[in-house]
Structures are given as structure tokens and as C-alpha cells.
Amino acid sequence: MPRKPAAFGRVGARLGFVVAVLLVWQVVTVTNTISSDALASVTSIVAAMARVVPTDEFWHSLGGTLLNWGTGTAVAFGIAVPAGLLLGSSELLYRMFRIPIEFMRTIPSIALLPLALLLYGATSSMAVLLIVLGAVWPLLLQSMYGMRQLDPVMREVAASYQLRLRDRITRVILPDASPFIATGVRIALTIGLLLSVGAEMLGGAPGLGRQIALTQQTMAIPDMYAYIVVVAALGTLLNLSMLALERSLLSWHSSHRLAG
């Protein structure tokens, strides 16, 4: 019984903190402690959202960002997970590629924007390329670690029963490595969203990021913050949804039973 009041107390504390931050934000902007040219007030942002969200331009921009984001992370998943499982299955391959991977993953993907622009111009393909270059690394590393953490007893059982490769992958490898892969997916999706918006802002690809850049250039500051709030809401919804999905689908795994 005491769990419900405690849960309500945590939710209430979080909501109270959010309300307090919004109140301070409103007071700071209304009193002109921070110039309205730099920070719009909460009420003006709400009004801007009510004005911007119903427009076709907003929904086209949102669709462009979601398309870039989904395509880039899907391509990164298709490349990184099989490669990570392969590299993690062999000690030789792991040692050969560990240093090159560590070197390449430290390169900020947004630093490759000039190359992407030269290849594809200010298009969705350019944004997708940057997303792939950024999202592939957490997926690759988590897949490698998941493969290397595979229960040795399960390996021996699979070998003793002489399971076919397909059965080993679907019944042994993927179920045991799934928590690592799920973590990689969650990180990659977040990185993908950041890179999608960054590529749209700096590279001019269609999407919410380009709208943020355009509204900043025209000094429509409340509209700019309205788009920023939408991006923040997307990221929050994504993270909470992935955590809930992970708990639901992987509740059978020992890592989640111990956490619970």
C-alpha cells in the first residue's frame, strides 16, 4: 500500500519542479532580466505554439525530421548490429578493430557536415548520412559487448546440441544480447534526433531544425522556441517510450528481474 503514495509524491515533486522552473522563466523574461531578443517568455511560447502547430509548414517540417531520423537510425541498425555481433564473436576480430573503432567514434558526426553537403547538398539524404555516421557507434559497441557477455554455459549447451547457426542466433545469441542492443537502440535514437535537427539547422535539410534556423534569422524568437520545445518533447517522449518498451519486452531477462 505505501508504494502508491510514494509514487504520487515523486510525480508531484517532479511536476512542482517543472512549474517552479516555468515560473522563474516567466518572471525573468517579463522583468526583462534577460532580453526578449534572447529568451522568449513562457506565455509567448505557448501562444506561438498555438499559432505554429496548426500550419501545414509545421507538419511538413515535423514529417521531414521524423523521416530523416527514422531512416538514418534504421540504416545504422542494419549495419551496426550484425557487424557488432560478428566482431564480438571473435577475439581476433575484436582486437583487430577495437582501436580503429575507438578512434572513429570520437569524431563528431556534425564535423562531417561539409563532406555530407558536398556529396548530397542540402537534402534529406545529407541528414540521413550524418545520422548514420553518429548512430552507428553506440549500436555497434553495444552489440559487441552483448556478444562478448554471452553466457558461456549457453554457448556450451548450443555447441553440445549442435544447433544450426540460425538457431544459435535466434535462440541463444539475440535473446542474451538483447538488453545491450536495446540500450544501444535507445542511445542511437537520441543521437539520431540530435543529428537530424543539427543537420537541418546547419545544412538546410528540410525539417524542424531548418525552421528553428529560419525563425532565428527573422527574429521570430517565440516561434523559434516553439519549435525547440517540440524537439525537446519529441526527445522526451522517445526516451520514455523506449524505456517502457524495453521493460515490457525484456521483463523475462535476468538483468530486468534484478533491477525490478
Protein backbone atom coordinates (compact mmCIF):
# COMPACT_ATOMS: atom_id res chain seq x y z
CA MET A 1 0.00 0.00 0.00
CA PRO A 2 2.68 2.64 0.79
CA ARG A 3 4.06 2.37 -2.73
CA LYS A 4 1.22 4.38 -4.32
CA PRO A 5 1.59 7.45 -2.06
CA ALA A 6 5.35 7.35 -2.61
CA ALA A 7 4.85 7.20 -6.39
CA PHE A 8 2.37 10.09 -6.27
CA GLY A 9 4.84 12.00 -4.13
CA ARG A 10 7.61 11.55 -6.72
CA VAL A 11 5.32 12.64 -9.56
CA GLY A 12 4.16 15.63 -7.54
CA ALA A 13 7.74 16.65 -6.76
CA ARG A 14 8.69 16.46 -10.45
CA LEU A 15 5.66 18.46 -11.55
CA GLY A 16 6.34 21.01 -8.82
CA PHE A 17 9.91 21.42 -10.02
CA VAL A 18 8.76 21.92 -13.62
CA VAL A 19 6.17 24.52 -12.54
CA ALA A 20 8.79 26.34 -10.45
CA VAL A 21 11.21 26.47 -13.40
CA LEU A 22 8.47 27.82 -15.69
CA LEU A 23 7.50 30.47 -13.14
CA VAL A 24 11.11 31.62 -12.75
CA TRP A 25 11.47 31.64 -16.55
CA GLN A 26 8.35 33.80 -16.92
CA VAL A 27 9.45 36.24 -14.21
CA VAL A 28 12.95 36.58 -15.67
CA THR A 29 11.61 37.38 -19.14
CA VAL A 30 8.73 39.66 -18.05
CA THR A 31 11.02 41.76 -15.84
CA ASN A 32 13.49 41.96 -18.76
CA THR A 33 16.27 40.47 -16.64
CA ILE A 34 17.10 38.63 -19.85
CA SER A 35 16.29 40.38 -23.11
CA SER A 36 13.27 39.09 -25.01
CA ASP A 37 15.51 39.02 -28.10
CA ALA A 38 17.41 36.16 -26.44
CA LEU A 39 14.75 34.37 -24.38
CA ALA A 40 11.02 34.43 -25.08
CA SER A 41 8.56 34.30 -22.21
CA VAL A 42 6.62 31.14 -21.43
CA THR A 43 3.30 32.73 -22.37
CA SER A 44 4.63 33.97 -25.71
CA ILE A 45 6.00 30.50 -26.49
CA VAL A 46 2.61 28.92 -25.70
CA ALA A 47 0.92 31.48 -27.96
CA ALA A 48 3.46 30.80 -30.69
CA MET A 49 2.85 27.06 -30.46
CA ALA A 50 -0.90 27.62 -30.77
CA ARG A 51 -0.19 29.65 -33.90
CA VAL A 52 2.51 27.45 -35.44
CA VAL A 53 1.33 23.89 -34.78
CA PRO A 54 -1.88 24.02 -36.90
CA THR A 55 0.03 25.14 -40.02
CA ASP A 56 0.96 22.86 -42.91
CA GLU A 57 4.52 24.14 -42.70
CA PHE A 58 4.89 22.76 -39.17
CA TRP A 59 3.59 19.31 -40.08
CA HIS A 60 5.74 19.10 -43.21
CA SER A 61 8.77 20.05 -41.10
CA LEU A 62 7.87 17.52 -38.42
CA GLY A 63 7.41 14.83 -41.05
CA GLY A 64 10.78 15.67 -42.60
CA THR A 65 12.56 15.38 -39.26
CA LEU A 66 10.83 12.10 -38.39
CA LEU A 67 11.60 10.66 -41.83
CA ASN A 68 15.28 11.62 -41.65
CA TRP A 69 15.51 10.35 -38.10
CA GLY A 70 13.76 7.04 -38.72
CA THR A 71 15.61 6.29 -41.96
CA GLY A 72 19.03 7.13 -40.51
CA THR A 73 18.62 5.06 -37.36
CA ALA A 74 17.15 2.12 -39.29
CA VAL A 75 20.13 2.09 -41.67
CA ALA A 76 22.53 2.39 -38.71
CA PHE A 77 20.78 -0.54 -37.01
CA GLY A 78 21.01 -2.70 -40.12
CA ILE A 79 24.75 -2.02 -40.40
CA ALA A 80 25.87 -1.94 -36.79
CA VAL A 81 24.07 -4.83 -35.10
CA PRO A 82 25.20 -7.63 -37.47
CA ALA A 83 28.72 -6.13 -37.59
CA GLY A 84 28.84 -5.80 -33.80
CA LEU A 85 27.70 -9.39 -33.23
CA LEU A 86 30.31 -10.60 -35.74
CA LEU A 87 33.15 -8.58 -34.17
CA GLY A 88 32.10 -9.63 -30.68
CA SER A 89 32.03 -13.32 -31.60
CA SER A 90 35.74 -13.44 -32.46
CA GLU A 91 38.55 -12.43 -30.11
CA LEU A 92 40.84 -11.85 -33.11
CA LEU A 93 38.36 -9.56 -34.89
CA TYR A 94 37.63 -7.73 -31.64
CA ARG A 95 41.31 -6.97 -31.03
CA MET A 96 41.91 -6.02 -34.68
CA PHE A 97 39.07 -3.49 -34.90
CA ARG A 98 38.89 -2.19 -31.33
CA ILE A 99 41.35 0.70 -31.76
CA PRO A 100 40.04 1.82 -35.20
CA ILE A 101 36.50 1.82 -33.82
CA GLU A 102 37.52 3.80 -30.73
CA PHE A 103 39.27 6.32 -32.98
CA MET A 104 36.44 6.75 -35.47
CA ARG A 105 33.65 7.00 -32.91
CA THR A 106 35.32 10.00 -31.25
CA ILE A 107 34.97 12.05 -34.47
CA PRO A 108 31.90 14.32 -34.04
CA SER A 109 29.46 13.44 -36.80
CA ILE A 110 28.47 17.08 -37.25
CA ALA A 111 32.11 17.80 -38.16
CA LEU A 112 31.49 15.75 -41.31
CA LEU A 113 28.71 18.11 -42.40
CA PRO A 114 30.87 19.75 -45.13
CA LEU A 115 31.56 16.32 -46.63
CA ALA A 116 27.87 15.38 -46.50
CA LEU A 117 26.92 18.68 -48.13
CA LEU A 118 29.43 18.11 -50.92
CA LEU A 119 28.02 14.64 -51.54
CA TYR A 120 24.28 15.32 -51.30
CA GLY A 121 23.72 19.06 -50.87
CA ALA A 122 21.05 20.48 -48.55
CA THR A 123 18.81 17.43 -48.85
CA SER A 124 17.32 14.76 -46.62
CA SER A 125 20.00 12.33 -47.86
CA MET A 126 22.64 14.57 -46.29
CA ALA A 127 20.84 14.47 -42.93
CA VAL A 128 20.38 10.70 -43.14
CA LEU A 129 24.11 10.24 -43.82
CA LEU A 130 25.05 12.26 -40.73
CA ILE A 131 22.56 10.34 -38.60
CA VAL A 132 24.00 7.03 -39.77
CA LEU A 133 27.55 8.18 -39.03
CA GLY A 134 26.56 9.15 -35.49
CA ALA A 135 24.04 6.46 -34.55
CA VAL A 136 26.08 3.50 -35.82
CA TRP A 137 28.66 3.62 -33.00
CA PRO A 138 26.51 3.01 -29.89
CA LEU A 139 24.70 0.22 -31.72
CA LEU A 140 27.97 -1.34 -32.86
CA LEU A 141 29.63 -1.15 -29.43
CA GLN A 142 26.60 -2.40 -27.50
CA SER A 143 26.17 -5.32 -29.92
CA MET A 144 29.86 -6.19 -29.49
CA TYR A 145 29.62 -6.04 -25.70
CA GLY A 146 26.41 -8.06 -25.71
CA MET A 147 28.07 -10.77 -27.77
CA ARG A 148 31.14 -10.84 -25.53
CA GLN A 149 28.98 -11.07 -22.40
CA LEU A 150 27.14 -14.12 -23.71
CA ASP A 151 26.71 -16.76 -21.01
CA PRO A 152 29.43 -19.40 -21.58
CA VAL A 153 27.08 -22.11 -20.33
CA MET A 154 24.63 -21.21 -23.07
CA ARG A 155 27.46 -21.37 -25.62
CA GLU A 156 28.39 -24.85 -24.44
CA VAL A 157 24.78 -26.05 -24.46
CA ALA A 158 24.29 -24.74 -28.02
CA ALA A 159 27.50 -26.44 -29.11
CA SER A 160 26.63 -29.73 -27.43
CA TYR A 161 23.22 -29.80 -29.09
CA GLN A 162 24.88 -28.86 -32.41
CA LEU A 163 22.36 -26.14 -33.11
CA ARG A 164 22.37 -24.66 -36.57
CA LEU A 165 23.75 -21.15 -36.96
CA ARG A 166 20.27 -19.71 -37.47
CA ASP A 167 19.00 -21.33 -34.29
CA ARG A 168 22.05 -20.18 -32.33
CA ILE A 169 21.43 -16.60 -33.44
CA THR A 170 17.67 -16.54 -32.84
CA ARG A 171 17.50 -18.72 -29.68
CA VAL A 172 20.79 -18.06 -27.91
CA ILE A 173 22.69 -15.00 -29.12
CA LEU A 174 19.95 -12.43 -29.72
CA PRO A 175 17.93 -13.20 -26.55
CA ASP A 176 21.01 -12.95 -24.31
CA ALA A 177 22.43 -9.87 -26.05
CA SER A 178 19.07 -8.10 -26.36
CA PRO A 179 19.46 -5.83 -23.26
CA PHE A 180 22.75 -4.48 -24.66
CA ILE A 181 21.22 -3.98 -28.11
CA ALA A 182 18.18 -2.28 -26.58
CA THR A 183 20.45 0.16 -24.75
CA GLY A 184 22.29 0.84 -27.99
CA VAL A 185 18.99 1.47 -29.80
CA ARG A 186 17.87 3.95 -27.14
CA ILE A 187 21.16 5.86 -27.30
CA ALA A 188 21.23 5.76 -31.11
CA LEU A 189 17.69 7.13 -31.38
CA THR A 190 18.58 10.06 -29.14
CA ILE A 191 21.77 10.77 -31.09
CA GLY A 192 19.84 10.42 -34.33
CA LEU A 193 17.32 13.07 -33.27
CA LEU A 194 20.07 15.49 -32.25
CA LEU A 195 21.93 14.97 -35.52
CA SER A 196 18.76 15.27 -37.58
CA VAL A 197 17.95 18.65 -36.05
CA GLY A 198 21.60 19.74 -36.26
CA ALA A 199 21.87 18.80 -39.94
CA GLU A 200 18.65 20.65 -40.68
CA MET A 201 19.79 23.75 -38.81
CA LEU A 202 23.31 23.95 -40.18
CA GLY A 203 22.92 22.19 -43.51
CA GLY A 204 19.48 23.40 -44.56
CA ALA A 205 17.84 19.98 -44.91
CA PRO A 206 14.03 20.09 -44.60
CA GLY A 207 12.76 19.62 -41.07
CA LEU A 208 12.25 21.22 -37.67
CA GLY A 209 15.90 22.24 -37.46
CA ARG A 210 15.61 24.36 -40.58
CA GLN A 211 12.53 26.07 -39.13
CA ILE A 212 14.50 26.86 -35.96
CA ALA A 213 17.25 28.44 -38.06
CA LEU A 214 14.78 30.40 -40.23
CA THR A 215 12.82 31.79 -37.28
CA GLN A 216 16.08 32.79 -35.59
CA GLN A 217 17.21 34.63 -38.71
CA THR A 218 13.91 36.51 -38.97
CA MET A 219 13.97 37.29 -35.22
CA ALA A 220 10.71 35.41 -34.62
CA ILE A 221 12.05 34.35 -31.22
CA PRO A 222 8.80 32.93 -29.72
CA ASP A 223 8.31 30.80 -32.86
CA MET A 224 11.90 29.63 -32.61
CA TYR A 225 11.39 28.49 -29.04
CA ALA A 226 8.11 26.83 -30.00
CA TYR A 227 9.99 24.61 -32.45
CA ILE A 228 12.68 23.96 -29.83
CA VAL A 229 10.01 22.86 -27.33
CA VAL A 230 8.57 20.47 -29.93
CA VAL A 231 12.02 18.92 -30.46
CA ALA A 232 12.51 18.59 -26.68
CA ALA A 233 9.08 16.96 -26.32
CA LEU A 234 9.95 14.51 -29.12
CA GLY A 235 13.17 13.52 -27.38
CA THR A 236 11.47 13.08 -24.00
CA LEU A 237 8.63 11.05 -25.47
CA LEU A 238 11.13 8.90 -27.33
CA ASN A 239 13.21 8.14 -24.27
CA LEU A 240 10.23 7.34 -22.02
CA SER A 241 8.62 5.18 -24.73
CA MET A 242 11.82 3.22 -25.32
CA LEU A 243 12.31 2.62 -21.58
CA ALA A 244 8.72 1.38 -21.23
CA LEU A 245 9.05 -0.82 -24.32
CA GLU A 246 12.33 -2.23 -23.08
CA ARG A 247 10.87 -3.11 -19.68
CA SER A 248 7.85 -4.73 -21.33
CA LEU A 249 9.67 -6.79 -23.96
CA LEU A 250 12.67 -7.77 -21.81
CA SER A 251 10.92 -8.33 -18.47
CA TRP A 252 11.92 -12.01 -18.72
CA HIS A 253 15.65 -11.22 -18.82
CA SER A 254 17.68 -11.60 -15.64
CA SER A 255 19.01 -8.02 -15.80
CA HIS A 256 15.47 -6.62 -15.67
CA ARG A 257 14.35 -9.05 -12.97
CA LEU A 258 17.28 -7.96 -10.79
CA ALA A 259 16.52 -4.30 -11.50
CA GLY A 260 12.88 -4.83 -10.59
